Amino acid sequence: MSRESKKCRGIAWPRWLVPICLLAMVAFSFLIRIEDLRSWNASPAKAFFQGEPLLTNIDGYYYLRIARDLAEGTYSPVDPLRITPDHPHRAAPPPLLSVIATALHETVPFSFNWIGILIPPLLGSLLVFPLYGLGCIFGTRLTGCIAALTGVISNTYFVRTSLGWFDTDCLN
């Protein structure tokens, strides 16, 4: 890589500036994704049931049930709660999202519901790193930073990785 490609508009960036920018983008991305928690706490009857948060999509409960089965050691090849068509088989390796939720449940003192609402903002914020890398491949460090910030705040990605949207979208 030439010396010129490491510069942005003719100004060399200090080595410490990029990691600080990336961490600031991850923090910013995470904070804007969990900002709805303030509204949830203002109207607990709409967002919580018996002190536990409600997920914002239906598929999330399916993945949380798999995570619970994994944690309890009851994950079987056939899903006993799904009838149509003919008790479908579960995935041979369980979904990665459920495996991550199980691992977190075993390491942190949060319930599955809290883990389910916090995983999407956390994983969604980590998109900063691959987008930065792609931006650097096709341009400079500045291009990488702009690509990372633009990607994590894009509307569709933001909605699909925001608080409570426990689905595989945050892993895609």
C-alpha atoms as a PDB file:
ATOM      1  CA  MET A   1       0.000   0.000   0.000  1.00  0.00           C
ATOM      2  CA  SER A   2       1.469   3.327  -1.005  1.00  0.00           C
ATOM      3  CA  ARG A   3       2.054   6.177   1.388  1.00  0.00           C
ATOM      4  CA  GLU A   4      -0.517   8.254  -0.492  1.00  0.00           C
ATOM      5  CA  SER A   5      -3.329   5.723   0.124  1.00  0.00           C
ATOM      6  CA  LYS A   6      -2.861   6.075   3.875  1.00  0.00           C
ATOM      7  CA  LYS A   7      -3.626   9.797   3.731  1.00  0.00           C
ATOM      8  CA  CYS A   8      -6.980  11.476   3.624  1.00  0.00           C
ATOM      9  CA  ARG A   9      -7.022  14.645   1.529  1.00  0.00           C
ATOM     10  CA  GLY A  10      -3.275  15.001   1.916  1.00  0.00           C
ATOM     11  CA  ILE A  11      -3.275  14.868   5.725  1.00  0.00           C
ATOM     12  CA  ALA A  12      -1.816  11.824   7.430  1.00  0.00           C
ATOM     13  CA  TRP A  13      -4.035  10.460  10.208  1.00  0.00           C
ATOM     14  CA  PRO A  14      -2.428   9.594  13.538  1.00  0.00           C
ATOM     15  CA  ARG A  15      -2.576   5.848  14.249  1.00  0.00           C
ATOM     16  CA  TRP A  16      -4.679   6.341  17.388  1.00  0.00           C
ATOM     17  CA  LEU A  17      -7.402   8.374  15.656  1.00  0.00           C
ATOM     18  CA  VAL A  18      -9.017   5.541  13.654  1.00  0.00           C
ATOM     19  CA  PRO A  19      -9.606   3.176  16.624  1.00  0.00           C
ATOM     20  CA  ILE A  20     -11.065   6.056  18.625  1.00  0.00           C
ATOM     21  CA  CYS A  21     -13.367   6.991  15.732  1.00  0.00           C
ATOM     22  CA  LEU A  22     -14.485   3.378  15.295  1.00  0.00           C
ATOM     23  CA  LEU A  23     -15.189   2.919  19.008  1.00  0.00           C
ATOM     24  CA  ALA A  24     -17.081   6.213  19.072  1.00  0.00           C
ATOM     25  CA  MET A  25     -19.185   5.031  16.120  1.00  0.00           C
ATOM     26  CA  VAL A  26     -19.934   1.707  17.857  1.00  0.00           C
ATOM     27  CA  ALA A  27     -20.945   3.556  21.027  1.00  0.00           C
ATOM     28  CA  PHE A  28     -23.073   6.056  19.103  1.00  0.00           C
ATOM     29  CA  SER A  29     -24.726   3.286  17.107  1.00  0.00           C
ATOM     30  CA  PHE A  30     -25.523   1.301  20.259  1.00  0.00           C
ATOM     31  CA  LEU A  31     -26.872   4.334  22.124  1.00  0.00           C
ATOM     32  CA  ILE A  32     -29.257   5.370  19.354  1.00  0.00           C
ATOM     33  CA  ARG A  33     -30.523   1.803  19.116  1.00  0.00           C
ATOM     34  CA  ILE A  34     -31.357   1.536  22.819  1.00  0.00           C
ATOM     35  CA  GLU A  35     -32.808   5.049  23.066  1.00  0.00           C
ATOM     36  CA  ASP A  36     -36.329   3.560  22.931  1.00  0.00           C
ATOM     37  CA  LEU A  37     -35.730   2.116  26.391  1.00  0.00           C
ATOM     38  CA  ARG A  38     -36.544   5.562  27.779  1.00  0.00           C
ATOM     39  CA  SER A  39     -39.997   5.412  26.145  1.00  0.00           C
ATOM     40  CA  TRP A  40     -40.445   1.836  27.317  1.00  0.00           C
ATOM     41  CA  ASN A  41     -39.770   2.865  30.920  1.00  0.00           C
ATOM     42  CA  ALA A  42     -42.207   5.780  30.575  1.00  0.00           C
ATOM     43  CA  SER A  43     -45.002   3.359  29.545  1.00  0.00           C
ATOM     44  CA  PRO A  44     -44.195   0.072  31.303  1.00  0.00           C
ATOM     45  CA  ALA A  45     -47.691  -1.355  30.758  1.00  0.00           C
ATOM     46  CA  LYS A  46     -47.057  -1.301  26.989  1.00  0.00           C
ATOM     47  CA  ALA A  47     -43.478  -2.569  26.978  1.00  0.00           C
ATOM     48  CA  PHE A  48     -43.144  -4.942  29.939  1.00  0.00           C
ATOM     49  CA  PHE A  49     -44.996  -7.953  31.294  1.00  0.00           C
ATOM     50  CA  GLN A  50     -44.315  -8.944  34.893  1.00  0.00           C
ATOM     51  CA  GLY A  51     -41.116  -6.887  34.865  1.00  0.00           C
ATOM     52  CA  GLU A  52     -39.742  -8.524  31.713  1.00  0.00           C
ATOM     53  CA  PRO A  53     -39.434  -6.624  28.409  1.00  0.00           C
ATOM     54  CA  LEU A  54     -41.562  -7.632  25.452  1.00  0.00           C
ATOM     55  CA  LEU A  55     -39.870  -8.326  22.136  1.00  0.00           C
ATOM     56  CA  THR A  56     -40.943  -6.239  19.165  1.00  0.00           C
ATOM     57  CA  ASN A  57     -41.279  -9.162  16.733  1.00  0.00           C
ATOM     58  CA  ILE A  58     -42.816 -12.616  16.890  1.00  0.00           C
ATOM     59  CA  ASP A  59     -39.847 -14.610  15.579  1.00  0.00           C
ATOM     60  CA  GLY A  60     -37.799 -13.519  18.566  1.00  0.00           C
ATOM     61  CA  TYR A  61     -39.775 -15.751  20.891  1.00  0.00           C
ATOM     62  CA  TYR A  62     -39.035 -18.742  18.658  1.00  0.00           C
ATOM     63  CA  TYR A  63     -35.287 -18.076  18.862  1.00  0.00           C
ATOM     64  CA  LEU A  64     -35.489 -17.440  22.616  1.00  0.00           C
ATOM     65  CA  ARG A  65     -37.310 -20.753  23.097  1.00  0.00           C
ATOM     66  CA  ILE A  66     -34.503 -22.523  21.249  1.00  0.00           C
ATOM     67  CA  ALA A  67     -31.968 -20.698  23.449  1.00  0.00           C
ATOM     68  CA  ARG A  68     -33.856 -21.785  26.574  1.00  0.00           C
ATOM     69  CA  ASP A  69     -33.958 -25.384  25.321  1.00  0.00           C
ATOM     70  CA  LEU A  70     -30.206 -25.255  24.684  1.00  0.00           C
ATOM     71  CA  ALA A  71     -29.564 -23.873  28.169  1.00  0.00           C
ATOM     72  CA  GLU A  72     -31.753 -26.544  29.776  1.00  0.00           C
ATOM     73  CA  GLY A  73     -30.304 -29.331  27.609  1.00  0.00           C
ATOM     74  CA  THR A  74     -33.705 -30.167  26.096  1.00  0.00           C
ATOM     75  CA  TYR A  75     -32.994 -29.191  22.466  1.00  0.00           C
ATOM     76  CA  SER A  76     -34.279 -32.141  20.438  1.00  0.00           C
ATOM     77  CA  PRO A  77     -34.200 -32.840  16.687  1.00  0.00           C
ATOM     78  CA  VAL A  78     -38.004 -32.564  16.493  1.00  0.00           C
ATOM     79  CA  ASP A  79     -39.812 -29.445  17.649  1.00  0.00           C
ATOM     80  CA  PRO A  80     -42.666 -30.685  19.881  1.00  0.00           C
ATOM     81  CA  LEU A  81     -44.546 -27.368  19.774  1.00  0.00           C
ATOM     82  CA  ARG A  82     -44.774 -27.100  15.987  1.00  0.00           C
ATOM     83  CA  ILE A  83     -47.354 -29.398  14.482  1.00  0.00           C
ATOM     84  CA  THR A  84     -47.725 -28.370  10.859  1.00  0.00           C
ATOM     85  CA  PRO A  85     -46.489 -30.040   8.783  1.00  0.00           C
ATOM     86  CA  ASP A  86     -45.897 -33.209  10.692  1.00  0.00           C
ATOM     87  CA  HIS A  87     -43.601 -31.952  13.505  1.00  0.00           C
ATOM     88  CA  PRO A  88     -40.813 -30.371  11.418  1.00  0.00           C
ATOM     89  CA  HIS A  89     -37.233 -31.142  12.286  1.00  0.00           C
ATOM     90  CA  ARG A  90     -35.083 -28.466  13.867  1.00  0.00           C
ATOM     91  CA  ALA A  91     -31.808 -27.353  12.366  1.00  0.00           C
ATOM     92  CA  ALA A  92     -28.964 -29.794  13.086  1.00  0.00           C
ATOM     93  CA  PRO A  93     -26.746 -27.043  14.407  1.00  0.00           C
ATOM     94  CA  PRO A  94     -29.107 -24.681  16.258  1.00  0.00           C
ATOM     95  CA  PRO A  95     -29.425 -21.107  14.959  1.00  0.00           C
ATOM     96  CA  LEU A  96     -26.377 -18.994  15.779  1.00  0.00           C
ATOM     97  CA  LEU A  97     -28.575 -16.310  17.345  1.00  0.00           C
ATOM     98  CA  SER A  98     -29.933 -18.821  19.869  1.00  0.00           C
ATOM     99  CA  VAL A  99     -26.438 -20.149  20.587  1.00  0.00           C
ATOM    100  CA  ILE A 100     -25.212 -16.598  21.266  1.00  0.00           C
ATOM    101  CA  ALA A 101     -28.199 -15.943  23.546  1.00  0.00           C
ATOM    102  CA  THR A 102     -27.523 -19.172  25.452  1.00  0.00           C
ATOM    103  CA  ALA A 103     -23.836 -18.314  25.892  1.00  0.00           C
ATOM    104  CA  LEU A 104     -24.715 -14.848  27.150  1.00  0.00           C
ATOM    105  CA  HIS A 105     -27.343 -16.252  29.509  1.00  0.00           C
ATOM    106  CA  GLU A 106     -24.700 -18.519  31.042  1.00  0.00           C
ATOM    107  CA  THR A 107     -22.210 -15.661  31.512  1.00  0.00           C
ATOM    108  CA  VAL A 108     -24.289 -12.614  32.461  1.00  0.00           C
ATOM    109  CA  PRO A 109     -27.026 -12.342  35.100  1.00  0.00           C
ATOM    110  CA  PHE A 110     -29.783 -11.284  32.670  1.00  0.00           C
ATOM    111  CA  SER A 111     -32.958 -13.123  31.750  1.00  0.00           C
ATOM    112  CA  PHE A 112     -33.497 -14.424  28.231  1.00  0.00           C
ATOM    113  CA  ASN A 113     -35.942 -11.585  27.533  1.00  0.00           C
ATOM    114  CA  TRP A 114     -33.383  -8.912  28.460  1.00  0.00           C
ATOM    115  CA  ILE A 115     -30.750 -10.684  26.386  1.00  0.00           C
ATOM    116  CA  GLY A 116     -33.220 -10.839  23.508  1.00  0.00           C
ATOM    117  CA  ILE A 117     -33.802  -7.109  23.472  1.00  0.00           C
ATOM    118  CA  LEU A 118     -30.130  -6.168  23.872  1.00  0.00           C
ATOM    119  CA  ILE A 119     -28.428  -8.525  21.385  1.00  0.00           C
ATOM    120  CA  PRO A 120     -29.719  -6.787  18.214  1.00  0.00           C
ATOM    121  CA  PRO A 121     -28.396  -3.314  19.160  1.00  0.00           C
ATOM    122  CA  LEU A 122     -25.082  -4.805  20.241  1.00  0.00           C
ATOM    123  CA  LEU A 123     -24.533  -6.935  17.150  1.00  0.00           C
ATOM    124  CA  GLY A 124     -25.978  -4.257  14.874  1.00  0.00           C
ATOM    125  CA  SER A 125     -23.418  -1.767  16.169  1.00  0.00           C
ATOM    126  CA  LEU A 126     -20.541  -4.102  15.365  1.00  0.00           C
ATOM    127  CA  LEU A 127     -21.214  -3.674  11.627  1.00  0.00           C
ATOM    128  CA  VAL A 128     -18.914  -0.649  11.931  1.00  0.00           C
ATOM    129  CA  PHE A 129     -15.832  -2.863  11.646  1.00  0.00           C
ATOM    130  CA  PRO A 130     -16.505  -4.738   8.393  1.00  0.00           C
ATOM    131  CA  LEU A 131     -17.870  -1.593   6.747  1.00  0.00           C
ATOM    132  CA  TYR A 132     -14.759   0.311   7.744  1.00  0.00           C
ATOM    133  CA  GLY A 133     -12.613  -2.457   6.274  1.00  0.00           C
ATOM    134  CA  LEU A 134     -14.527  -2.413   2.988  1.00  0.00           C
ATOM    135  CA  GLY A 135     -14.303   1.359   2.816  1.00  0.00           C
ATOM    136  CA  CYS A 136     -10.549   1.199   3.313  1.00  0.00           C
ATOM    137  CA  ILE A 137     -10.201  -1.412   0.567  1.00  0.00           C
ATOM    138  CA  PHE A 138     -12.027   0.792  -1.933  1.00  0.00           C
ATOM    139  CA  GLY A 139     -10.723   4.126  -0.695  1.00  0.00           C
ATOM    140  CA  THR A 140      -8.946   5.653   2.283  1.00  0.00           C
ATOM    141  CA  ARG A 141      -9.409   5.611   6.038  1.00  0.00           C
ATOM    142  CA  LEU A 142     -11.819   8.514   5.680  1.00  0.00           C
ATOM    143  CA  THR A 143     -13.830   6.475   3.164  1.00  0.00           C
ATOM    144  CA  GLY A 144     -13.889   3.607   5.659  1.00  0.00           C
ATOM    145  CA  CYS A 145     -15.145   5.834   8.473  1.00  0.00           C
ATOM    146  CA  ILE A 146     -17.846   7.359   6.274  1.00  0.00           C
ATOM    147  CA  ALA A 147     -18.935   3.919   5.052  1.00  0.00           C
ATOM    148  CA  ALA A 148     -19.116   2.600   8.616  1.00  0.00           C
ATOM    149  CA  LEU A 149     -21.134   5.504   9.960  1.00  0.00           C
ATOM    150  CA  THR A 150     -23.473   5.602   6.965  1.00  0.00           C
ATOM    151  CA  GLY A 151     -24.105   1.866   7.181  1.00  0.00           C
ATOM    152  CA  VAL A 152     -24.957   1.669  10.867  1.00  0.00           C
ATOM    153  CA  ILE A 153     -27.351   4.618  10.753  1.00  0.00           C
ATOM    154  CA  SER A 154     -29.128   3.629   7.531  1.00  0.00           C
ATOM    155  CA  ASN A 155     -32.854   3.484   8.189  1.00  0.00           C
ATOM    156  CA  THR A 156     -33.687  -0.111   7.274  1.00  0.00           C
ATOM    157  CA  TYR A 157     -30.662  -1.578   9.041  1.00  0.00           C
ATOM    158  CA  PHE A 158     -31.332   0.636  12.055  1.00  0.00           C
ATOM    159  CA  VAL A 159     -34.923  -0.590  12.379  1.00  0.00           C
ATOM    160  CA  ARG A 160     -34.012  -4.259  11.958  1.00  0.00           C
ATOM    161  CA  THR A 161     -31.275  -4.073  14.622  1.00  0.00           C
ATOM    162  CA  SER A 162     -32.943  -1.823  17.155  1.00  0.00           C
ATOM    163  CA  LEU A 163     -34.056  -2.584  20.681  1.00  0.00           C
ATOM    164  CA  GLY A 164     -36.156  -5.726  20.922  1.00  0.00           C
ATOM    165  CA  TRP A 165     -35.948  -6.872  17.282  1.00  0.00           C
ATOM    166  CA  PHE A 166     -34.561 -10.315  18.160  1.00  0.00           C
ATOM    167  CA  ASP A 167     -34.219 -11.893  14.749  1.00  0.00           C
ATOM    168  CA  THR A 168     -31.383 -13.107  12.557  1.00  0.00           C
ATOM    169  CA  ASP A 169     -31.213  -9.731  10.787  1.00  0.00           C
ATOM    170  CA  CYS A 170     -28.460  -8.555  13.141  1.00  0.00           C
ATOM    171  CA  LEU A 171     -26.292 -11.470  11.956  1.00  0.00           C
ATOM    172  CA  ASN A 172     -26.859 -11.101   8.198  1.00  0.00           C
END
